């Protein structure tokens, strides 16, 4: 019998519209009422996750920014963090602060996008988004776009994770190699999440670590946990959970790491999986 479920958000509970369907909402709410612990486990920060938790009427936990932080909804406080210190984040940023790269500091309540040429950030988004879509994206994710070095460095003081975005895959792969070989004062966990994003955090961070923290908190064995996700950052928790479920829209490597593949997010795959294994 499964006692807890961890749900990714983007690509799992919501698709491109960023809105949960009534079927998803009602299915998750019904599951929570049975006594199963329902928790969110996401790459989003707290600000971008809380609205989803509120709509689902959850009073459990949210694992945010890929496992760097665990937030207690009922206690309204952070109960776990595993982040790089400010000096390490600053060294990483300074090492790559040249050319047309976008540096992103992920804090609990905002993502700060910095580039020496601010217009490049607009250009970066315009490759795939219209202006209206870009404005909606920035508002939804609470993104602060800046070319102020002071603003960016101030955000690094409380950053959970630092990342870099570039349209040039070769640049990101070179950066990854440097981050993995040079000394920045702390061991680093470097991940190439999307084709245009490289994430850098503390060693040991992953959604699986967040899941392990929740298992200890609730006194639940990991074999009693179901995890559902669709992206590379979901693979550790899908592999470690008692039952790992990949969305039908997931990458092939994510599907390969899962025990079961459900329907896509546009087909309410998460709700289908919940009904199949908890019904």
Protein backbone atom coordinates (compact mmCIF):
# COMPACT_ATOMS: atom_id res chain seq x y z
CA UNK A 1 0.00 0.00 0.00
CA UNK A 2 1.37 3.39 -0.98
CA UNK A 3 1.26 6.06 1.72
CA UNK A 4 2.71 9.12 -0.03
CA UNK A 5 2.78 10.62 -3.52
CA UNK A 6 5.18 13.26 -4.85
CA UNK A 7 3.91 15.27 -7.78
CA UNK A 8 5.98 17.33 -10.16
CA UNK A 9 4.15 20.42 -11.43
CA UNK A 10 5.18 21.52 -14.93
CA UNK A 11 4.60 18.85 -17.54
CA UNK A 12 2.84 16.73 -14.91
CA UNK A 13 0.02 18.67 -13.23
CA UNK A 14 0.00 21.54 -15.73
CA UNK A 15 0.79 21.80 -19.43
CA UNK A 16 1.59 24.84 -21.51
CA UNK A 17 -1.47 26.67 -20.22
CA UNK A 18 -0.06 26.47 -16.64
CA UNK A 19 -3.61 25.70 -15.47
CA UNK A 20 -4.67 22.45 -13.81
CA UNK A 21 -7.75 20.80 -15.29
CA UNK A 22 -10.78 20.23 -13.04
CA UNK A 23 -10.10 16.49 -13.30
CA UNK A 24 -6.56 16.88 -11.95
CA UNK A 25 -7.73 19.12 -9.09
CA UNK A 26 -10.58 16.87 -8.02
CA UNK A 27 -8.50 13.69 -8.29
CA UNK A 28 -5.64 15.05 -6.17
CA UNK A 29 -8.02 16.50 -3.58
CA UNK A 30 -9.87 13.18 -3.32
CA UNK A 31 -6.59 11.31 -2.85
CA UNK A 32 -5.50 13.64 -0.03
CA UNK A 33 -8.80 13.02 1.76
CA UNK A 34 -8.02 9.28 1.92
CA UNK A 35 -5.04 9.97 4.18
CA UNK A 36 -2.32 9.58 1.55
CA UNK A 37 0.34 12.25 2.00
CA UNK A 38 0.25 14.40 -1.14
CA UNK A 39 3.31 16.61 -1.65
CA UNK A 40 4.57 18.74 -4.52
CA UNK A 41 8.14 18.19 -5.75
CA UNK A 42 9.19 20.78 -8.30
CA UNK A 43 11.94 22.83 -9.90
CA UNK A 44 9.85 25.92 -9.20
CA UNK A 45 10.58 28.24 -6.31
CA UNK A 46 8.15 28.71 -3.44
CA UNK A 47 6.43 31.73 -4.98
CA UNK A 48 5.57 29.85 -8.17
CA UNK A 49 4.52 26.67 -6.31
CA UNK A 50 2.29 28.05 -3.58
CA UNK A 51 -0.66 28.84 -5.88
CA UNK A 52 -0.76 25.21 -7.04
CA UNK A 53 -0.69 23.95 -3.45
CA UNK A 54 -3.45 26.39 -2.50
CA UNK A 55 -5.68 25.31 -5.38
CA UNK A 56 -5.22 21.67 -4.37
CA UNK A 57 -5.88 22.64 -0.72
CA UNK A 58 -2.73 20.87 0.46
CA UNK A 59 -1.45 21.24 4.02
CA UNK A 60 1.65 19.06 3.61
CA UNK A 61 5.02 20.01 2.10
CA UNK A 62 6.48 21.45 -1.08
CA UNK A 63 9.93 20.35 -2.24
CA UNK A 64 11.15 23.36 -4.24
CA UNK A 65 14.02 24.24 -6.59
CA UNK A 66 14.86 20.60 -7.30
CA UNK A 67 15.29 19.56 -3.68
CA UNK A 68 17.32 22.49 -2.37
CA UNK A 69 14.48 23.48 -0.06
CA UNK A 70 11.50 21.88 1.68
CA UNK A 71 8.69 24.14 2.81
CA UNK A 72 6.00 23.20 5.34
CA UNK A 73 2.62 24.53 4.23
CA UNK A 74 0.93 24.00 7.60
CA UNK A 75 3.77 25.66 9.53
CA UNK A 76 4.40 28.33 6.87
CA UNK A 77 8.17 27.93 7.10
CA UNK A 78 11.19 26.35 5.45
CA UNK A 79 12.17 23.15 7.24
CA UNK A 80 15.13 21.99 5.13
CA UNK A 81 17.73 23.60 2.88
CA UNK A 82 20.88 22.44 1.08
CA UNK A 83 22.40 25.39 -0.75
CA UNK A 84 25.78 26.75 -1.77
CA UNK A 85 27.07 29.65 0.29
CA UNK A 86 27.22 33.19 -1.06
CA UNK A 87 30.98 33.24 -1.70
CA UNK A 88 30.77 30.08 -3.80
CA UNK A 89 27.83 31.41 -5.81
CA UNK A 90 29.72 34.67 -6.35
CA UNK A 91 32.86 32.86 -7.55
CA UNK A 92 30.82 30.83 -10.02
CA UNK A 93 29.04 33.91 -11.32
CA UNK A 94 32.27 35.92 -11.69
CA UNK A 95 33.98 33.05 -13.52
CA UNK A 96 31.37 33.15 -16.28
CA UNK A 97 30.25 36.78 -16.26
CA UNK A 98 31.26 37.60 -19.80
CA UNK A 99 29.63 37.58 -23.20
CA UNK A 100 25.95 37.07 -23.86
CA UNK A 101 25.10 34.69 -21.06
CA UNK A 102 22.09 34.97 -18.80
CA UNK A 103 22.78 34.28 -15.13
CA UNK A 104 19.80 33.25 -13.02
CA UNK A 105 19.64 33.36 -9.23
CA UNK A 106 16.81 31.23 -7.84
CA UNK A 107 15.51 32.54 -4.52
CA UNK A 108 12.35 31.51 -2.67
CA UNK A 109 10.26 34.40 -3.95
CA UNK A 110 11.80 35.36 -7.29
CA UNK A 111 14.09 34.40 -10.14
CA UNK A 112 16.54 37.19 -11.02
CA UNK A 113 17.76 37.12 -14.62
CA UNK A 114 20.95 39.12 -15.17
CA UNK A 115 22.92 39.98 -18.29
CA UNK A 116 25.31 42.87 -19.02
CA UNK A 117 23.17 43.55 -22.07
CA UNK A 118 19.63 43.58 -20.72
CA UNK A 119 18.12 43.65 -24.20
CA UNK A 120 19.63 40.22 -24.82
CA UNK A 121 17.29 38.69 -22.25
CA UNK A 122 14.35 40.13 -24.20
CA UNK A 123 15.88 38.73 -27.40
CA UNK A 124 16.45 35.35 -25.75
CA UNK A 125 12.78 35.00 -24.84
CA UNK A 126 11.56 36.40 -28.16
CA UNK A 127 13.04 33.39 -29.98
CA UNK A 128 10.22 31.22 -28.65
CA UNK A 129 7.66 33.62 -27.15
CA UNK A 130 5.63 36.56 -28.39
CA UNK A 131 5.84 39.76 -26.34
CA UNK A 132 2.52 39.03 -24.63
CA UNK A 133 3.63 35.47 -23.87
CA UNK A 134 6.94 36.76 -22.56
CA UNK A 135 5.20 39.25 -20.25
CA UNK A 136 2.90 36.50 -18.96
CA UNK A 137 5.89 34.18 -18.43
CA UNK A 138 7.81 36.79 -16.45
CA UNK A 139 4.78 37.58 -14.30
CA UNK A 140 3.89 33.93 -13.70
CA UNK A 141 7.40 32.97 -12.59
CA UNK A 142 8.00 36.25 -10.75
CA UNK A 143 11.13 36.97 -12.81
CA UNK A 144 13.10 40.14 -12.20
CA UNK A 145 15.05 41.04 -15.35
CA UNK A 146 18.01 43.29 -14.60
CA UNK A 147 21.34 44.58 -15.84
CA UNK A 148 22.21 45.85 -12.37
CA UNK A 149 25.11 43.92 -10.90
CA UNK A 150 24.22 45.10 -7.40
CA UNK A 151 20.68 43.77 -7.68
CA UNK A 152 21.92 40.40 -8.90
CA UNK A 153 24.63 40.01 -6.27
CA UNK A 154 22.17 40.96 -3.55
CA UNK A 155 19.89 38.14 -4.71
CA UNK A 156 22.81 35.71 -4.56
CA UNK A 157 22.90 36.25 -0.78
CA UNK A 158 19.72 34.17 -0.50
CA UNK A 159 19.93 32.12 -3.69
CA UNK A 160 19.06 28.43 -3.44
CA UNK A 161 20.61 27.69 -6.82
CA UNK A 162 22.42 29.48 -9.63
CA UNK A 163 21.98 28.70 -13.30
CA UNK A 164 23.04 29.89 -16.72
CA UNK A 165 20.99 30.09 -19.90
CA UNK A 166 22.37 30.28 -23.42
CA UNK A 167 21.24 29.37 -26.91
CA UNK A 168 24.71 27.93 -27.55
CA UNK A 169 24.81 24.34 -26.31
CA UNK A 170 28.60 24.11 -26.80
CA UNK A 171 29.10 27.06 -24.42
CA UNK A 172 27.02 25.37 -21.73
CA UNK A 173 28.88 22.08 -22.14
CA UNK A 174 32.22 23.90 -21.82
CA UNK A 175 30.97 25.63 -18.69
CA UNK A 176 29.87 22.29 -17.28
CA UNK A 177 33.34 20.87 -17.82
CA UNK A 178 34.96 23.86 -16.08
CA UNK A 179 32.56 23.68 -13.14
CA UNK A 180 33.31 19.99 -12.70
CA UNK A 181 37.11 20.39 -12.79
CA UNK A 182 38.01 23.78 -11.27
CA UNK A 183 37.97 24.56 -7.53
CA UNK A 184 35.20 26.93 -6.48
CA UNK A 185 35.52 26.38 -2.73
CA UNK A 186 32.80 23.75 -2.41
CA UNK A 187 31.89 20.59 -4.23
CA UNK A 188 29.27 21.32 -6.87
CA UNK A 189 26.33 19.48 -8.34
CA UNK A 190 26.12 20.49 -12.01
CA UNK A 191 23.15 19.50 -14.15
CA UNK A 192 22.29 20.11 -17.78
CA UNK A 193 18.49 20.27 -17.46
CA UNK A 194 17.27 21.69 -20.76
CA UNK A 195 19.20 22.35 -23.96
CA UNK A 196 19.51 26.03 -23.00
CA UNK A 197 20.01 25.71 -19.21
CA UNK A 198 22.83 24.65 -16.90
CA UNK A 199 22.09 24.44 -13.16
CA UNK A 200 24.65 24.60 -10.36
CA UNK A 201 23.90 23.72 -6.75
CA UNK A 202 25.24 22.02 -3.66
CA UNK A 203 26.38 18.40 -3.80
CA UNK A 204 23.58 16.00 -3.03
CA UNK A 205 20.64 18.13 -4.12
CA UNK A 206 17.93 16.32 -6.01
CA UNK A 207 14.24 15.73 -5.81
CA UNK A 208 15.12 12.32 -4.37
CA UNK A 209 16.81 13.99 -1.37
CA UNK A 210 13.67 16.02 -0.78
CA UNK A 211 11.67 12.82 -0.94
CA UNK A 212 13.99 11.17 1.60
CA UNK A 213 13.50 14.11 3.98
CA UNK A 214 9.73 13.74 3.73
CA UNK A 215 9.95 9.99 4.31
CA UNK A 216 11.84 10.63 7.56
CA UNK A 217 9.39 13.35 8.54
CA UNK A 218 6.35 11.14 8.04
CA UNK A 219 7.97 7.86 9.08
CA UNK A 220 7.28 6.35 5.68
CA UNK A 221 9.57 3.93 3.85
CA UNK A 222 10.62 4.99 0.36
CA UNK A 223 9.08 1.76 -0.97
CA UNK A 224 5.70 3.19 0.06
CA UNK A 225 6.09 6.29 -2.12
CA UNK A 226 4.78 7.02 -5.61
CA UNK A 227 6.50 9.74 -7.65
CA UNK A 228 5.25 11.24 -10.92
CA UNK A 229 7.31 13.46 -13.23
CA UNK A 230 8.37 14.22 -16.78
CA UNK A 231 11.83 15.85 -16.86
CA UNK A 232 15.47 14.97 -16.28
CA UNK A 233 15.36 16.47 -12.79
CA UNK A 234 12.64 13.93 -11.92
CA UNK A 235 14.78 10.88 -12.72
CA UNK A 236 16.39 10.49 -9.25
CA UNK A 237 13.06 10.43 -7.45
CA UNK A 238 11.46 8.16 -10.08
CA UNK A 239 14.30 5.68 -9.68
CA UNK A 240 14.26 5.75 -5.87
CA UNK A 241 10.52 5.79 -5.19
CA UNK A 242 8.65 2.56 -4.64
CA UNK A 243 6.77 3.35 -7.84
CA UNK A 244 8.14 5.84 -10.35
CA UNK A 245 5.70 7.05 -12.98
CA UNK A 246 6.74 8.99 -16.08
CA UNK A 247 4.31 11.16 -17.99
CA UNK A 248 3.52 10.26 -21.58
CA UNK A 249 5.09 13.57 -22.65
CA UNK A 250 8.37 12.80 -20.83
CA UNK A 251 11.73 12.41 -22.53
CA UNK A 252 12.70 8.85 -23.44
CA UNK A 253 15.42 8.80 -20.77
CA UNK A 254 12.82 9.73 -18.12
CA UNK A 255 10.47 7.00 -19.31
CA UNK A 256 13.35 4.52 -19.16
CA UNK A 257 13.94 5.39 -15.49
CA UNK A 258 10.29 4.85 -14.54
CA UNK A 259 8.36 1.74 -13.55
CA UNK A 260 5.27 2.84 -15.43
CA UNK A 261 4.42 5.36 -18.16
CA UNK A 262 1.04 7.07 -17.96
CA UNK A 263 -0.77 9.29 -20.47
CA UNK A 264 0.49 12.78 -21.33
CA UNK A 265 -0.21 15.92 -19.35
CA UNK A 266 -2.74 17.02 -21.99
CA UNK A 267 -4.61 13.75 -21.32
CA UNK A 268 -4.57 14.19 -17.53
CA UNK A 269 -1.98 11.44 -17.21
CA UNK A 270 -1.32 12.18 -13.53
CA UNK A 271 -4.99 11.72 -12.68
CA UNK A 272 -5.10 8.48 -14.66
CA UNK A 273 -2.08 7.15 -12.76
CA UNK A 274 -3.57 8.13 -9.39
CA UNK A 275 -6.82 6.35 -10.21
CA UNK A 276 -4.94 3.26 -11.41
CA UNK A 277 -2.67 2.84 -8.39
CA UNK A 278 -4.77 4.36 -5.62
CA UNK A 279 -8.29 3.65 -6.92
